[in-house]
Structure formats: C-alpha cells, structure tokens
Amino acid sequence: MTFVITATCVDVKDQSCIEECPVDCIYVGGRKLYIQPAECIDCGACEPVCPVDAIYAGRQLPEDKAVDKDDNRAFFEEVLPGRDAPLGRPGGYAKVGEIEADTARITDFVKPPDED
C-alpha cells in the first residue's frame, strides 16, 4: 500500500514531505504534490510533517477523499497538459524537478471555504 496526498494540499505545496521522504517519490505538480505509488516504500515519514494533514496511508484514506487515490495515480499515468507523454516512474523527483502541471481534476479544483 502507498501513501496518498489529497486535494487538501492544493495551493499549499509546503514540501516538508519531500525533505522527509527517503526514496524521493514525492513530485511537485502545478498546484499540489503527488506520490508515485510504485516508488513509495510505505514508510510513512511524509505523513507527520504535512502542515495541512493532506497525506494518508492508502488503506486509511477517508471515504470522502477516495477520489484522491485515483487522481494521484493519474498524475503519473496520464498525459498532463504541456507534456507529450505520461510521467510514468521516473525514479525520483530530483531527476525531473517541478512538473508545472496537474491532473484535470486538480487544475479545475476549487477548494471549499473551510479548507483555506
């Protein structure tokens, strides 16, 4: 099982989780961060450092955030705006840097007022 960064991260992008990740599996999109599920070793180091509690173990993901798991996977499997191929499994954020794109869901995402 992998960890998932939910839409609570949209427009926050604190990146404390990136500093804690021992395998460099957290990538920076245009509006939020994403965990590459095939690279995540399920260590949980990222979860406690998130200032907005946006990170969950996939098996503990609240029902109202279940769509975030599929959206996280889509970031790596679908062709994102401005790119000509899916990101796939690049082998670490340091190899690719900021992606400057998001899934369609996050590009159009409007945070509820209580999440600001």
N, C-alpha and C. Protein backbone atom coordinates (compact mmCIF):
# COMPACT_ATOMS: atom_id res chain seq x y z
N MET A 1 0.85 -1.18 0.00
CA MET A 1 0.00 0.00 0.00
C MET A 1 0.90 1.24 0.00
N THR A 2 0.42 2.27 -0.62
CA THR A 2 1.18 3.51 -0.73
C THR A 2 0.49 4.65 0.01
N PHE A 3 1.17 5.74 0.14
CA PHE A 3 0.58 6.94 0.73
C PHE A 3 0.01 7.81 -0.38
N VAL A 4 -0.96 8.62 -0.02
CA VAL A 4 -1.67 9.47 -0.99
C VAL A 4 -1.69 10.90 -0.46
N ILE A 5 -1.43 11.85 -1.33
CA ILE A 5 -1.57 13.26 -0.97
C ILE A 5 -2.92 13.72 -1.52
N THR A 6 -3.76 14.21 -0.63
CA THR A 6 -5.11 14.59 -1.01
C THR A 6 -5.17 16.04 -1.51
N ALA A 7 -6.34 16.42 -1.98
CA ALA A 7 -6.55 17.78 -2.50
C ALA A 7 -6.42 18.85 -1.42
N THR A 8 -6.32 18.45 -0.17
CA THR A 8 -6.06 19.42 0.90
C THR A 8 -4.75 20.15 0.65
N CYS A 9 -3.86 19.55 -0.11
CA CYS A 9 -2.55 20.14 -0.45
C CYS A 9 -2.65 21.21 -1.54
N VAL A 10 -3.75 21.29 -2.25
CA VAL A 10 -3.86 22.23 -3.36
C VAL A 10 -3.51 23.64 -2.90
N ASP A 11 -2.62 24.26 -3.65
CA ASP A 11 -2.15 25.63 -3.43
C ASP A 11 -1.39 25.82 -2.12
N VAL A 12 -0.99 24.73 -1.46
CA VAL A 12 -0.16 24.83 -0.26
C VAL A 12 1.29 24.48 -0.62
N LYS A 13 1.51 23.28 -1.11
CA LYS A 13 2.81 22.81 -1.58
C LYS A 13 3.96 23.16 -0.63
N ASP A 14 3.79 22.87 0.65
CA ASP A 14 4.79 23.16 1.68
C ASP A 14 6.12 22.45 1.42
N GLN A 15 6.10 21.25 0.94
CA GLN A 15 7.25 20.44 0.57
C GLN A 15 8.06 19.87 1.73
N SER A 16 7.56 19.98 2.96
CA SER A 16 8.24 19.33 4.09
C SER A 16 8.30 17.82 3.87
N CYS A 17 7.26 17.30 3.24
CA CYS A 17 7.21 15.86 2.98
C CYS A 17 8.33 15.42 2.04
N ILE A 18 8.68 16.25 1.08
CA ILE A 18 9.76 15.93 0.16
C ILE A 18 11.08 15.80 0.92
N GLU A 19 11.30 16.69 1.85
CA GLU A 19 12.54 16.66 2.64
C GLU A 19 12.63 15.41 3.49
N GLU A 20 11.50 14.86 3.93
CA GLU A 20 11.49 13.67 4.79
C GLU A 20 11.51 12.36 4.02
N CYS A 21 11.10 12.38 2.77
CA CYS A 21 10.97 11.14 2.00
C CYS A 21 12.34 10.52 1.71
N PRO A 22 12.59 9.30 2.19
CA PRO A 22 13.90 8.68 1.97
C PRO A 22 14.11 8.13 0.56
N VAL A 23 13.04 8.03 -0.24
CA VAL A 23 13.19 7.47 -1.59
C VAL A 23 12.85 8.46 -2.69
N ASP A 24 12.59 9.72 -2.35
CA ASP A 24 12.37 10.78 -3.34
C ASP A 24 11.19 10.48 -4.28
N CYS A 25 10.08 9.98 -3.70
CA CYS A 25 8.93 9.58 -4.52
C CYS A 25 7.81 10.62 -4.55
N ILE A 26 8.04 11.81 -3.99
CA ILE A 26 7.02 12.85 -3.97
C ILE A 26 7.38 13.90 -5.00
N TYR A 27 6.43 14.16 -5.90
CA TYR A 27 6.66 15.04 -7.05
C TYR A 27 5.81 16.31 -6.93
N VAL A 28 6.33 17.40 -7.46
CA VAL A 28 5.66 18.69 -7.38
C VAL A 28 4.94 18.99 -8.69
N GLY A 29 3.61 19.09 -8.60
CA GLY A 29 2.81 19.50 -9.74
C GLY A 29 2.62 21.00 -9.73
N GLY A 30 1.73 21.49 -10.53
CA GLY A 30 1.47 22.92 -10.59
C GLY A 30 0.80 23.47 -9.35
N ARG A 31 -0.15 22.72 -8.80
CA ARG A 31 -0.91 23.21 -7.64
C ARG A 31 -0.79 22.33 -6.40
N LYS A 32 -0.29 21.10 -6.55
CA LYS A 32 -0.16 20.21 -5.39
C LYS A 32 0.95 19.20 -5.61
N LEU A 33 1.18 18.40 -4.61
CA LEU A 33 2.20 17.36 -4.65
C LEU A 33 1.54 16.00 -4.87
N TYR A 34 2.31 15.07 -5.40
CA TYR A 34 1.81 13.73 -5.72
C TYR A 34 2.85 12.69 -5.34
N ILE A 35 2.40 11.53 -4.85
CA ILE A 35 3.30 10.43 -4.51
C ILE A 35 3.23 9.38 -5.61
N GLN A 36 4.39 9.02 -6.15
CA GLN A 36 4.47 7.97 -7.18
C GLN A 36 4.24 6.63 -6.47
N PRO A 37 3.10 5.98 -6.71
CA PRO A 37 2.77 4.76 -5.95
C PRO A 37 3.76 3.62 -6.10
N ALA A 38 4.37 3.48 -7.25
CA ALA A 38 5.32 2.37 -7.46
C ALA A 38 6.67 2.65 -6.80
N GLU A 39 6.96 3.89 -6.49
CA GLU A 39 8.24 4.25 -5.86
C GLU A 39 8.12 4.37 -4.34
N CYS A 40 6.92 4.57 -3.83
CA CYS A 40 6.70 4.73 -2.39
C CYS A 40 6.97 3.41 -1.66
N ILE A 41 7.73 3.48 -0.57
CA ILE A 41 8.04 2.27 0.20
C ILE A 41 7.16 2.14 1.44
N ASP A 42 6.15 2.99 1.55
CA ASP A 42 5.17 2.90 2.63
C ASP A 42 5.80 3.10 4.01
N CYS A 43 6.79 3.98 4.10
CA CYS A 43 7.46 4.19 5.38
C CYS A 43 6.71 5.16 6.28
N GLY A 44 5.92 6.06 5.70
CA GLY A 44 5.13 7.00 6.49
C GLY A 44 5.87 8.22 6.97
N ALA A 45 7.10 8.43 6.56
CA ALA A 45 7.87 9.59 7.03
C ALA A 45 7.23 10.91 6.61
N CYS A 46 6.53 10.92 5.50
CA CYS A 46 5.92 12.14 4.98
C CYS A 46 4.69 12.59 5.76
N GLU A 47 3.93 11.65 6.26
CA GLU A 47 2.63 11.95 6.87
C GLU A 47 2.70 12.92 8.05
N PRO A 48 3.54 12.71 9.05
CA PRO A 48 3.50 13.59 10.22
C PRO A 48 4.04 15.01 9.97
N VAL A 49 4.79 15.22 8.92
CA VAL A 49 5.35 16.55 8.68
C VAL A 49 4.46 17.45 7.83
N CYS A 50 3.39 16.91 7.29
CA CYS A 50 2.48 17.71 6.45
C CYS A 50 1.73 18.72 7.33
N PRO A 51 1.88 20.01 7.06
CA PRO A 51 1.25 21.02 7.91
C PRO A 51 -0.27 21.12 7.76
N VAL A 52 -0.82 20.51 6.70
CA VAL A 52 -2.27 20.59 6.48
C VAL A 52 -2.94 19.21 6.53
N ASP A 53 -2.25 18.21 7.04
CA ASP A 53 -2.79 16.85 7.16
C ASP A 53 -3.39 16.35 5.85
N ALA A 54 -2.64 16.50 4.78
CA ALA A 54 -3.11 16.10 3.46
C ALA A 54 -2.65 14.69 3.06
N ILE A 55 -1.82 14.06 3.87
CA ILE A 55 -1.23 12.77 3.50
C ILE A 55 -1.82 11.65 4.34
N TYR A 56 -2.23 10.58 3.64
CA TYR A 56 -2.83 9.42 4.30
C TYR A 56 -2.25 8.15 3.72
N ALA A 57 -2.17 7.12 4.56
CA ALA A 57 -1.88 5.79 4.04
C ALA A 57 -3.09 5.39 3.20
N GLY A 58 -2.87 4.79 2.05
CA GLY A 58 -3.96 4.43 1.16
C GLY A 58 -5.04 3.62 1.85
N ARG A 59 -4.67 2.75 2.74
CA ARG A 59 -5.64 1.90 3.45
C ARG A 59 -6.41 2.67 4.52
N GLN A 60 -5.96 3.89 4.85
CA GLN A 60 -6.63 4.70 5.86
C GLN A 60 -7.25 5.97 5.27
N LEU A 61 -7.31 6.02 3.97
CA LEU A 61 -7.85 7.18 3.29
C LEU A 61 -9.34 7.32 3.60
N PRO A 62 -9.76 8.49 4.12
CA PRO A 62 -11.18 8.67 4.40
C PRO A 62 -12.02 8.52 3.14
N GLU A 63 -13.22 8.02 3.30
CA GLU A 63 -14.10 7.76 2.16
C GLU A 63 -14.30 9.00 1.30
N ASP A 64 -14.41 10.17 1.93
CA ASP A 64 -14.64 11.40 1.17
C ASP A 64 -13.40 11.86 0.39
N LYS A 65 -12.28 11.18 0.57
CA LYS A 65 -11.06 11.53 -0.15
C LYS A 65 -10.60 10.39 -1.07
N ALA A 66 -11.44 9.40 -1.26
CA ALA A 66 -11.08 8.23 -2.08
C ALA A 66 -10.70 8.62 -3.50
N VAL A 67 -11.33 9.64 -4.05
CA VAL A 67 -11.02 10.08 -5.41
C VAL A 67 -9.57 10.54 -5.54
N ASP A 68 -8.97 10.97 -4.44
CA ASP A 68 -7.59 11.42 -4.47
C ASP A 68 -6.60 10.30 -4.81
N LYS A 69 -6.93 9.08 -4.43
CA LYS A 69 -6.06 7.95 -4.75
C LYS A 69 -5.97 7.75 -6.26
N ASP A 70 -7.11 7.76 -6.94
CA ASP A 70 -7.11 7.61 -8.39
C ASP A 70 -6.47 8.82 -9.07
N ASP A 71 -6.72 10.00 -8.53
CA ASP A 71 -6.15 11.22 -9.09
C ASP A 71 -4.63 11.22 -8.96
N ASN A 72 -4.13 10.75 -7.83
CA ASN A 72 -2.69 10.65 -7.61
C ASN A 72 -2.06 9.72 -8.65
N ARG A 73 -2.70 8.60 -8.89
CA ARG A 73 -2.19 7.63 -9.88
C ARG A 73 -2.24 8.24 -11.29
N ALA A 74 -3.32 8.98 -11.58
CA ALA A 74 -3.48 9.59 -12.90
C ALA A 74 -2.36 10.58 -13.22
N PHE A 75 -1.84 11.25 -12.20
CA PHE A 75 -0.74 12.20 -12.41
C PHE A 75 0.45 11.53 -13.09
N PHE A 76 0.66 10.28 -12.81
CA PHE A 76 1.80 9.55 -13.38
C PHE A 76 1.44 8.75 -14.63
N GLU A 77 0.17 8.39 -14.79
CA GLU A 77 -0.23 7.51 -15.89
C GLU A 77 -0.86 8.23 -17.09
N GLU A 78 -1.35 9.44 -16.90
CA GLU A 78 -1.99 10.18 -18.00
C GLU A 78 -1.05 11.25 -18.53
N VAL A 79 -1.29 11.66 -19.76
CA VAL A 79 -0.51 12.76 -20.33
C VAL A 79 -1.05 14.06 -19.73
N LEU A 80 -0.20 14.78 -19.05
CA LEU A 80 -0.58 16.04 -18.41
C LEU A 80 -0.47 17.20 -19.40
N PRO A 81 -1.19 18.28 -19.15
CA PRO A 81 -1.12 19.45 -20.04
C PRO A 81 0.33 19.92 -20.23
N GLY A 82 0.69 20.20 -21.47
CA GLY A 82 2.03 20.67 -21.78
C GLY A 82 3.09 19.59 -21.89
N ARG A 83 2.69 18.34 -21.75
CA ARG A 83 3.63 17.22 -21.84
C ARG A 83 3.22 16.32 -23.00
N ASP A 84 4.15 15.57 -23.55
CA ASP A 84 3.83 14.72 -24.69
C ASP A 84 3.75 13.23 -24.33
N ALA A 85 4.00 12.90 -23.07
CA ALA A 85 3.92 11.51 -22.62
C ALA A 85 3.64 11.49 -21.12
N PRO A 86 3.11 10.39 -20.62
CA PRO A 86 2.90 10.28 -19.18
C PRO A 86 4.24 10.35 -18.43
N LEU A 87 4.22 10.83 -17.22
CA LEU A 87 5.42 10.92 -16.41
C LEU A 87 5.95 9.53 -16.07
N GLY A 88 5.04 8.61 -15.80
CA GLY A 88 5.44 7.23 -15.50
C GLY A 88 6.15 7.10 -14.17
N ARG A 89 7.23 6.36 -14.19
CA ARG A 89 8.03 6.11 -12.98
C ARG A 89 9.45 6.61 -13.24
N PRO A 90 9.68 7.91 -13.06
CA PRO A 90 10.97 8.49 -13.43
C PRO A 90 12.13 8.18 -12.50
N GLY A 91 11.87 7.60 -11.33
CA GLY A 91 12.97 7.23 -10.45
C GLY A 91 13.39 8.31 -9.48
N GLY A 92 12.49 9.21 -9.16
CA GLY A 92 12.78 10.23 -8.15
C GLY A 92 12.53 11.64 -8.64
N TYR A 93 12.00 12.45 -7.73
CA TYR A 93 11.70 13.85 -8.03
C TYR A 93 12.95 14.62 -8.46
N ALA A 94 14.08 14.33 -7.84
CA ALA A 94 15.31 15.06 -8.15
C ALA A 94 15.71 14.92 -9.63
N LYS A 95 15.30 13.83 -10.25
CA LYS A 95 15.64 13.61 -11.67
C LYS A 95 14.81 14.46 -12.62
N VAL A 96 13.60 14.87 -12.21
CA VAL A 96 12.71 15.59 -13.12
C VAL A 96 12.38 17.01 -12.69
N GLY A 97 12.50 17.31 -11.41
CA GLY A 97 12.15 18.64 -10.90
C GLY A 97 10.65 18.89 -10.96
N GLU A 98 10.26 20.16 -10.80
CA GLU A 98 8.84 20.51 -10.79
C GLU A 98 8.21 20.23 -12.14
N ILE A 99 7.03 19.67 -12.11
CA ILE A 99 6.33 19.28 -13.33
C ILE A 99 5.53 20.44 -13.92
N GLU A 100 5.07 21.38 -13.08
CA GLU A 100 4.33 22.56 -13.53
C GLU A 100 3.01 22.22 -14.22
N ALA A 101 2.46 21.05 -13.91
CA ALA A 101 1.17 20.63 -14.47
C ALA A 101 0.46 19.78 -13.42
N ASP A 102 -0.83 19.62 -13.60
CA ASP A 102 -1.63 18.80 -12.70
C ASP A 102 -2.63 17.99 -13.52
N THR A 103 -3.30 17.08 -12.84
CA THR A 103 -4.39 16.35 -13.47
C THR A 103 -5.52 17.34 -13.75
N ALA A 104 -6.43 16.97 -14.62
CA ALA A 104 -7.56 17.86 -14.94
C ALA A 104 -8.36 18.17 -13.69
N ARG A 105 -8.51 17.20 -12.80
CA ARG A 105 -9.28 17.42 -11.57
C ARG A 105 -8.65 18.52 -10.73
N ILE A 106 -7.36 18.51 -10.58
CA ILE A 106 -6.69 19.50 -9.73
C ILE A 106 -6.57 20.84 -10.44
N THR A 107 -6.37 20.84 -11.74
CA THR A 107 -6.31 22.10 -12.48
C THR A 107 -7.59 22.89 -12.27
N ASP A 108 -8.73 22.20 -12.28
CA ASP A 108 -10.04 22.86 -12.13
C ASP A 108 -10.56 22.87 -10.69
N PHE A 109 -9.78 22.37 -9.76
CA PHE A 109 -10.25 22.20 -8.38
C PHE A 109 -10.44 23.55 -7.68
N VAL A 110 -11.57 23.67 -7.02
CA VAL A 110 -11.85 24.84 -6.20
C VAL A 110 -11.96 24.35 -4.77
N LYS A 111 -11.09 24.88 -3.91
CA LYS A 111 -11.11 24.46 -2.51
C LYS A 111 -12.36 24.98 -1.82
N PRO A 112 -13.00 24.13 -1.02
CA PRO A 112 -14.13 24.61 -0.21
C PRO A 112 -13.63 25.69 0.76
N PRO A 113 -14.47 26.64 1.11
CA PRO A 113 -14.05 27.74 2.00
C PRO A 113 -13.45 27.28 3.32
N ASP A 114 -13.88 26.15 3.86
CA ASP A 114 -13.36 25.69 5.14
C ASP A 114 -11.96 25.09 5.04
N GLU A 115 -11.41 24.93 3.83
CA GLU A 115 -10.08 24.38 3.65
C GLU A 115 -9.03 25.45 3.36
N ASP A 116 -9.39 26.70 3.40
CA ASP A 116 -8.41 27.78 3.14
C ASP A 116 -7.58 28.07 4.37
